[in-house]
N, C-alpha and C. Protein backbone atom coordinates (compact mmCIF):
# COMPACT_ATOMS: atom_id res chain seq x y z
N MET A 1 122.33 123.48 60.52
CA MET A 1 121.66 123.32 61.80
C MET A 1 122.71 123.19 62.89
N ALA A 2 122.56 124.00 63.94
CA ALA A 2 123.42 123.96 65.13
C ALA A 2 124.86 124.36 64.84
N SER A 3 125.06 125.11 63.75
CA SER A 3 126.42 125.50 63.39
C SER A 3 126.88 126.78 64.07
N GLY A 4 125.95 127.52 64.68
CA GLY A 4 126.29 128.76 65.36
C GLY A 4 125.66 130.00 64.74
N LYS A 5 124.71 129.81 63.83
CA LYS A 5 124.08 130.94 63.15
C LYS A 5 123.39 131.88 64.14
N THR A 6 122.69 131.33 65.11
CA THR A 6 121.98 132.15 66.09
C THR A 6 122.96 132.99 66.91
N SER A 7 124.08 132.41 67.27
CA SER A 7 125.10 133.15 68.03
C SER A 7 125.69 134.28 67.20
N VAL A 8 126.01 134.00 65.94
CA VAL A 8 126.55 135.04 65.06
C VAL A 8 125.51 136.14 64.85
N SER A 9 124.26 135.73 64.65
CA SER A 9 123.18 136.70 64.47
C SER A 9 123.05 137.62 65.68
N ALA A 10 123.11 137.05 66.87
CA ALA A 10 122.98 137.86 68.09
C ALA A 10 124.09 138.89 68.19
N VAL A 11 125.30 138.52 67.83
CA VAL A 11 126.43 139.45 67.88
C VAL A 11 126.25 140.56 66.84
N LEU A 12 125.84 140.19 65.62
CA LEU A 12 125.62 141.21 64.58
C LEU A 12 124.51 142.18 64.98
N GLN A 13 123.48 141.66 65.62
CA GLN A 13 122.40 142.53 66.07
C GLN A 13 122.87 143.47 67.16
N LYS A 14 123.60 142.94 68.12
CA LYS A 14 124.04 143.73 69.27
C LYS A 14 125.11 144.76 68.89
N LEU A 15 126.11 144.33 68.17
CA LEU A 15 127.24 145.20 67.89
C LEU A 15 127.05 146.13 66.69
N HIS A 16 126.23 145.70 65.72
CA HIS A 16 126.13 146.47 64.48
C HIS A 16 124.71 146.86 64.11
N GLY A 17 123.76 146.58 64.98
CA GLY A 17 122.39 147.02 64.76
C GLY A 17 121.64 146.31 63.65
N PHE A 18 122.05 145.12 63.29
CA PHE A 18 121.32 144.38 62.27
C PHE A 18 119.93 144.03 62.78
N VAL A 19 118.97 144.04 61.88
CA VAL A 19 117.59 143.67 62.20
C VAL A 19 117.30 142.35 61.48
N PRO A 20 116.85 141.35 62.22
CA PRO A 20 116.63 140.04 61.60
C PRO A 20 115.33 139.97 60.80
N ILE A 21 115.39 139.18 59.75
CA ILE A 21 114.22 138.80 58.97
C ILE A 21 114.16 137.28 59.03
N SER A 22 113.02 136.74 59.40
CA SER A 22 112.91 135.29 59.59
C SER A 22 112.11 134.63 58.47
N SER A 23 112.81 133.89 57.64
CA SER A 23 112.10 133.11 56.63
C SER A 23 111.32 131.98 57.29
N GLY A 24 111.82 131.48 58.41
CA GLY A 24 111.12 130.42 59.13
C GLY A 24 109.76 130.86 59.62
N SER A 25 109.66 132.10 60.07
CA SER A 25 108.36 132.62 60.52
C SER A 25 107.37 132.64 59.36
N PHE A 26 107.85 133.06 58.19
CA PHE A 26 106.99 133.08 57.01
C PHE A 26 106.52 131.67 56.68
N LEU A 27 107.44 130.70 56.68
CA LEU A 27 107.09 129.32 56.34
C LEU A 27 106.15 128.72 57.37
N ARG A 28 106.41 128.97 58.66
CA ARG A 28 105.52 128.44 59.70
C ARG A 28 104.11 129.00 59.56
N ALA A 29 103.99 130.29 59.28
CA ALA A 29 102.67 130.90 59.09
C ALA A 29 101.96 130.26 57.90
N HIS A 30 102.70 130.02 56.84
CA HIS A 30 102.13 129.41 55.64
C HIS A 30 101.64 127.99 55.95
N LEU A 31 102.44 127.22 56.69
CA LEU A 31 102.02 125.87 57.07
C LEU A 31 100.80 125.90 57.99
N ALA A 32 100.76 126.86 58.90
CA ALA A 32 99.64 126.96 59.84
C ALA A 32 98.33 127.20 59.10
N THR A 33 98.36 128.00 58.03
CA THR A 33 97.13 128.26 57.28
C THR A 33 96.63 126.99 56.59
N ARG A 34 97.53 126.05 56.38
CA ARG A 34 97.17 124.78 55.75
C ARG A 34 96.99 123.68 56.78
N SER A 35 97.07 124.04 58.06
CA SER A 35 96.92 123.09 59.17
C SER A 35 97.89 121.92 59.08
N GLU A 36 99.10 122.21 58.63
CA GLU A 36 100.14 121.18 58.54
C GLU A 36 101.07 121.29 59.74
N PRO A 37 101.67 120.18 60.15
CA PRO A 37 102.60 120.22 61.29
C PRO A 37 103.77 121.18 61.03
N LEU A 38 104.18 121.88 62.06
CA LEU A 38 105.25 122.87 61.94
C LEU A 38 106.61 122.26 62.27
N ASP A 39 106.91 121.14 61.66
CA ASP A 39 108.19 120.49 61.92
C ASP A 39 109.19 120.82 60.81
N ARG A 40 110.46 120.51 61.08
CA ARG A 40 111.52 120.85 60.14
C ARG A 40 111.30 120.23 58.76
N HIS A 41 110.84 118.99 58.72
CA HIS A 41 110.61 118.33 57.43
C HIS A 41 109.62 119.12 56.58
N ASN A 42 108.50 119.49 57.17
CA ASN A 42 107.49 120.25 56.42
C ASN A 42 108.00 121.63 56.03
N LEU A 43 108.80 122.25 56.90
CA LEU A 43 109.39 123.55 56.55
C LEU A 43 110.33 123.40 55.35
N GLN A 44 111.15 122.36 55.36
CA GLN A 44 112.06 122.13 54.24
C GLN A 44 111.29 121.85 52.95
N GLU A 45 110.28 121.01 53.06
CA GLU A 45 109.48 120.67 51.87
C GLU A 45 108.76 121.89 51.31
N LEU A 46 108.20 122.71 52.19
CA LEU A 46 107.52 123.92 51.72
C LEU A 46 108.51 124.86 51.06
N GLY A 47 109.67 125.07 51.67
CA GLY A 47 110.69 125.92 51.06
C GLY A 47 111.08 125.41 49.68
N ASP A 48 111.26 124.10 49.56
CA ASP A 48 111.61 123.51 48.27
C ASP A 48 110.50 123.74 47.24
N SER A 49 109.25 123.57 47.66
CA SER A 49 108.15 123.75 46.70
C SER A 49 108.03 125.22 46.28
N LEU A 50 108.26 126.13 47.20
CA LEU A 50 108.25 127.56 46.85
C LEU A 50 109.42 127.90 45.93
N ASP A 51 110.58 127.30 46.20
CA ASP A 51 111.73 127.51 45.30
C ASP A 51 111.36 127.11 43.88
N LYS A 52 110.77 125.94 43.74
CA LYS A 52 110.41 125.42 42.42
C LYS A 52 109.35 126.29 41.76
N ALA A 53 108.33 126.68 42.52
CA ALA A 53 107.21 127.44 41.96
C ALA A 53 107.59 128.87 41.57
N THR A 54 108.60 129.43 42.22
CA THR A 54 108.93 130.85 42.01
C THR A 54 110.34 131.07 41.45
N ASP A 55 111.01 130.01 41.04
CA ASP A 55 112.41 130.09 40.63
C ASP A 55 113.24 130.76 41.74
N PHE A 56 112.95 130.36 42.98
CA PHE A 56 113.69 130.78 44.17
C PHE A 56 113.44 132.24 44.59
N SER A 57 112.51 132.93 43.95
CA SER A 57 112.32 134.36 44.26
C SER A 57 111.41 134.63 45.45
N TRP A 58 110.73 133.61 45.98
CA TRP A 58 109.81 133.83 47.11
C TRP A 58 110.51 134.46 48.30
N LEU A 59 111.75 134.12 48.51
CA LEU A 59 112.46 134.64 49.68
C LEU A 59 112.64 136.16 49.60
N ILE A 60 112.85 136.67 48.41
CA ILE A 60 112.93 138.12 48.24
C ILE A 60 111.53 138.72 48.21
N ASP A 61 110.66 138.17 47.35
CA ASP A 61 109.34 138.76 47.12
C ASP A 61 108.41 138.70 48.33
N SER A 62 108.42 137.57 49.04
CA SER A 62 107.45 137.37 50.11
C SER A 62 108.01 137.56 51.51
N VAL A 63 109.32 137.57 51.65
CA VAL A 63 109.91 137.67 52.98
C VAL A 63 110.74 138.96 53.13
N ALA A 64 111.78 139.10 52.32
CA ALA A 64 112.70 140.23 52.48
C ALA A 64 112.06 141.57 52.11
N ASN A 65 111.50 141.66 50.91
CA ASN A 65 110.94 142.96 50.48
C ASN A 65 109.87 143.51 51.43
N PRO A 66 108.89 142.70 51.86
CA PRO A 66 107.90 143.25 52.79
C PRO A 66 108.53 143.77 54.10
N ALA A 67 109.52 143.06 54.62
CA ALA A 67 110.17 143.52 55.86
C ALA A 67 110.91 144.83 55.62
N ILE A 68 111.63 144.90 54.52
CA ILE A 68 112.41 146.11 54.20
C ILE A 68 111.49 147.29 53.95
N GLN A 69 110.41 147.08 53.24
CA GLN A 69 109.46 148.16 52.96
C GLN A 69 108.77 148.64 54.23
N ALA A 70 108.55 147.75 55.17
CA ALA A 70 107.89 148.12 56.42
C ALA A 70 108.81 148.93 57.34
N ARG A 71 110.12 148.83 57.14
CA ARG A 71 111.09 149.52 58.00
C ARG A 71 112.14 150.25 57.16
N PRO A 72 111.75 151.32 56.46
CA PRO A 72 112.72 152.03 55.60
C PRO A 72 113.85 152.69 56.39
N ASP A 73 113.71 152.80 57.70
CA ASP A 73 114.74 153.40 58.54
C ASP A 73 115.92 152.46 58.80
N VAL A 74 115.77 151.17 58.51
CA VAL A 74 116.80 150.18 58.81
C VAL A 74 117.76 150.06 57.64
N GLU A 75 119.05 150.08 57.96
CA GLU A 75 120.08 149.94 56.93
C GLU A 75 120.69 148.55 56.88
N ASN A 76 120.76 147.87 58.01
CA ASN A 76 121.42 146.57 58.08
C ASN A 76 120.42 145.47 58.40
N TRP A 77 120.23 144.58 57.44
CA TRP A 77 119.30 143.48 57.59
C TRP A 77 120.05 142.16 57.67
N LEU A 78 119.47 141.22 58.37
CA LEU A 78 120.06 139.90 58.52
C LEU A 78 118.98 138.87 58.23
N LEU A 79 119.10 138.20 57.09
CA LEU A 79 118.10 137.21 56.68
C LEU A 79 118.64 135.82 56.91
N ASP A 80 117.87 135.02 57.62
CA ASP A 80 118.29 133.64 57.86
C ASP A 80 117.88 132.74 56.70
N ALA A 81 118.54 131.63 56.60
CA ALA A 81 118.13 130.52 55.72
C ALA A 81 118.17 130.81 54.23
N VAL A 82 119.10 131.62 53.79
CA VAL A 82 119.37 131.70 52.36
C VAL A 82 120.33 130.55 52.12
N ARG A 83 119.78 129.43 51.67
CA ARG A 83 120.56 128.20 51.72
C ARG A 83 120.89 127.58 50.36
N LYS A 84 120.48 128.24 49.30
CA LYS A 84 120.73 127.67 47.98
C LYS A 84 121.41 128.71 47.09
N PRO A 85 122.33 128.28 46.24
CA PRO A 85 123.07 129.23 45.40
C PRO A 85 122.17 130.16 44.59
N ARG A 86 121.07 129.66 44.05
CA ARG A 86 120.18 130.51 43.25
C ARG A 86 119.58 131.62 44.11
N GLN A 87 119.27 131.34 45.37
CA GLN A 87 118.76 132.38 46.26
C GLN A 87 119.79 133.48 46.45
N VAL A 88 121.03 133.10 46.68
CA VAL A 88 122.10 134.09 46.84
C VAL A 88 122.26 134.91 45.56
N GLU A 89 122.22 134.23 44.43
CA GLU A 89 122.34 134.92 43.14
C GLU A 89 121.24 135.97 42.97
N LEU A 90 120.00 135.61 43.30
CA LEU A 90 118.89 136.55 43.16
C LEU A 90 119.03 137.73 44.12
N PHE A 91 119.50 137.47 45.34
CA PHE A 91 119.73 138.58 46.27
C PHE A 91 120.79 139.53 45.72
N ARG A 92 121.84 138.99 45.16
CA ARG A 92 122.89 139.85 44.60
C ARG A 92 122.39 140.63 43.40
N LEU A 93 121.55 140.00 42.57
CA LEU A 93 120.97 140.73 41.44
C LEU A 93 120.06 141.86 41.92
N ARG A 94 119.29 141.61 42.97
CA ARG A 94 118.34 142.61 43.47
C ARG A 94 119.00 143.71 44.31
N PHE A 95 119.96 143.34 45.16
CA PHE A 95 120.52 144.29 46.11
C PHE A 95 122.00 144.62 45.86
N GLY A 96 122.59 144.04 44.86
CA GLY A 96 123.96 144.38 44.46
C GLY A 96 125.00 144.11 45.52
N SER A 97 125.94 145.03 45.61
CA SER A 97 127.09 144.85 46.50
C SER A 97 126.75 144.98 47.98
N ALA A 98 125.50 145.30 48.29
CA ALA A 98 125.09 145.39 49.69
C ALA A 98 124.96 144.01 50.33
N VAL A 99 124.91 142.96 49.51
CA VAL A 99 124.71 141.61 50.01
C VAL A 99 126.03 141.01 50.48
N ARG A 100 125.99 140.48 51.69
CA ARG A 100 127.10 139.69 52.23
C ARG A 100 126.52 138.35 52.64
N HIS A 101 127.05 137.28 52.10
CA HIS A 101 126.53 135.95 52.38
C HIS A 101 127.53 135.20 53.24
N LEU A 102 127.08 134.73 54.40
CA LEU A 102 127.90 133.90 55.27
C LEU A 102 127.34 132.50 55.25
N HIS A 103 128.22 131.56 55.04
CA HIS A 103 127.83 130.15 55.13
C HIS A 103 128.59 129.58 56.31
N ILE A 104 127.90 129.30 57.38
CA ILE A 104 128.52 128.88 58.63
C ILE A 104 128.45 127.36 58.72
N ILE A 105 129.59 126.77 59.00
CA ILE A 105 129.66 125.31 59.11
C ILE A 105 130.35 124.93 60.41
N ALA A 106 130.17 123.69 60.79
CA ALA A 106 130.87 123.11 61.94
C ALA A 106 131.08 121.64 61.61
N PRO A 107 132.08 121.02 62.23
CA PRO A 107 132.30 119.59 61.98
C PRO A 107 131.07 118.76 62.37
N GLU A 108 130.84 117.70 61.61
CA GLU A 108 129.68 116.84 61.84
C GLU A 108 129.59 116.36 63.29
N ALA A 109 130.71 115.99 63.86
CA ALA A 109 130.71 115.49 65.24
C ALA A 109 130.23 116.57 66.21
N VAL A 110 130.60 117.82 65.97
CA VAL A 110 130.16 118.93 66.82
C VAL A 110 128.66 119.14 66.68
N LEU A 111 128.17 119.09 65.46
CA LEU A 111 126.73 119.28 65.22
C LEU A 111 125.92 118.19 65.92
N GLN A 112 126.34 116.95 65.79
CA GLN A 112 125.63 115.87 66.44
C GLN A 112 125.68 116.01 67.97
N GLN A 113 126.82 116.43 68.48
CA GLN A 113 126.95 116.62 69.93
C GLN A 113 126.01 117.71 70.42
N ARG A 114 125.90 118.79 69.68
CA ARG A 114 125.00 119.89 70.07
C ARG A 114 123.55 119.43 70.08
N TYR A 115 123.16 118.66 69.08
CA TYR A 115 121.78 118.16 69.05
C TYR A 115 121.54 117.14 70.13
N ALA A 116 122.50 116.26 70.35
CA ALA A 116 122.35 115.24 71.40
C ALA A 116 122.22 115.89 72.77
N ALA A 117 122.90 117.02 72.99
CA ALA A 117 122.82 117.72 74.27
C ALA A 117 121.43 118.29 74.51
N ARG A 118 120.71 118.57 73.43
CA ARG A 118 119.35 119.08 73.56
C ARG A 118 118.41 117.98 74.04
N SER A 119 118.44 116.84 73.37
CA SER A 119 117.66 115.66 73.77
C SER A 119 117.81 114.59 72.69
N ALA A 120 117.43 113.39 73.03
CA ALA A 120 117.51 112.29 72.05
C ALA A 120 116.61 112.56 70.85
N SER A 121 115.45 113.14 71.09
CA SER A 121 114.54 113.41 69.97
C SER A 121 115.11 114.49 69.05
N HIS A 122 115.86 115.45 69.63
CA HIS A 122 116.49 116.45 68.78
C HIS A 122 117.55 115.82 67.89
N LEU A 123 118.30 114.86 68.43
CA LEU A 123 119.31 114.17 67.62
C LEU A 123 118.63 113.39 66.50
N ASP A 124 117.51 112.75 66.78
CA ASP A 124 116.77 112.04 65.73
C ASP A 124 116.31 113.02 64.65
N GLU A 125 115.81 114.19 65.06
CA GLU A 125 115.37 115.21 64.11
C GLU A 125 116.55 115.68 63.27
N TYR A 126 117.69 115.91 63.91
CA TYR A 126 118.89 116.32 63.18
C TYR A 126 119.26 115.28 62.13
N ASN A 127 119.33 114.02 62.55
CA ASN A 127 119.72 112.96 61.62
C ASN A 127 118.76 112.85 60.44
N ALA A 128 117.49 113.03 60.67
CA ALA A 128 116.51 113.01 59.57
C ALA A 128 116.67 114.24 58.68
N SER A 129 116.93 115.38 59.28
CA SER A 129 117.01 116.64 58.52
C SER A 129 118.22 116.70 57.61
N VAL A 130 119.35 116.15 58.05
CA VAL A 130 120.55 116.23 57.21
C VAL A 130 120.43 115.37 55.96
N LEU A 131 119.47 114.46 55.94
CA LEU A 131 119.26 113.64 54.75
C LEU A 131 118.53 114.41 53.66
N HIS A 132 117.91 115.53 54.03
CA HIS A 132 117.17 116.34 53.07
C HIS A 132 118.16 117.02 52.12
N SER A 133 117.82 117.01 50.86
CA SER A 133 118.74 117.59 49.87
C SER A 133 118.86 119.09 50.02
């Protein structure tokens, strides 16, 4: 969170024509159908439950594949929130050497500063979110 993923994504889209796929949009839509709050905690919990129920394959089966099939003209895709080693493993098994995984980090003090600059409630959300496994 707040490590610079959005900035890197924007550059990849602009300079190299990557098309984004949003796992967050999928999760938010899923939560909305269940009338659950669309907060980070519920998104994390839903992602975890889908990981467990599908052996981490939901991200490929329900998010990546439908987007790719809908746009066969696109060669460069950018999927957010592949955050667990098993997810990366499954992507590499499915898509082979075409997969490039970036794990973007920033020092804890920088992350807290970025959230605090947004608002006090954002900093509270950040602090609660980093406790999630």
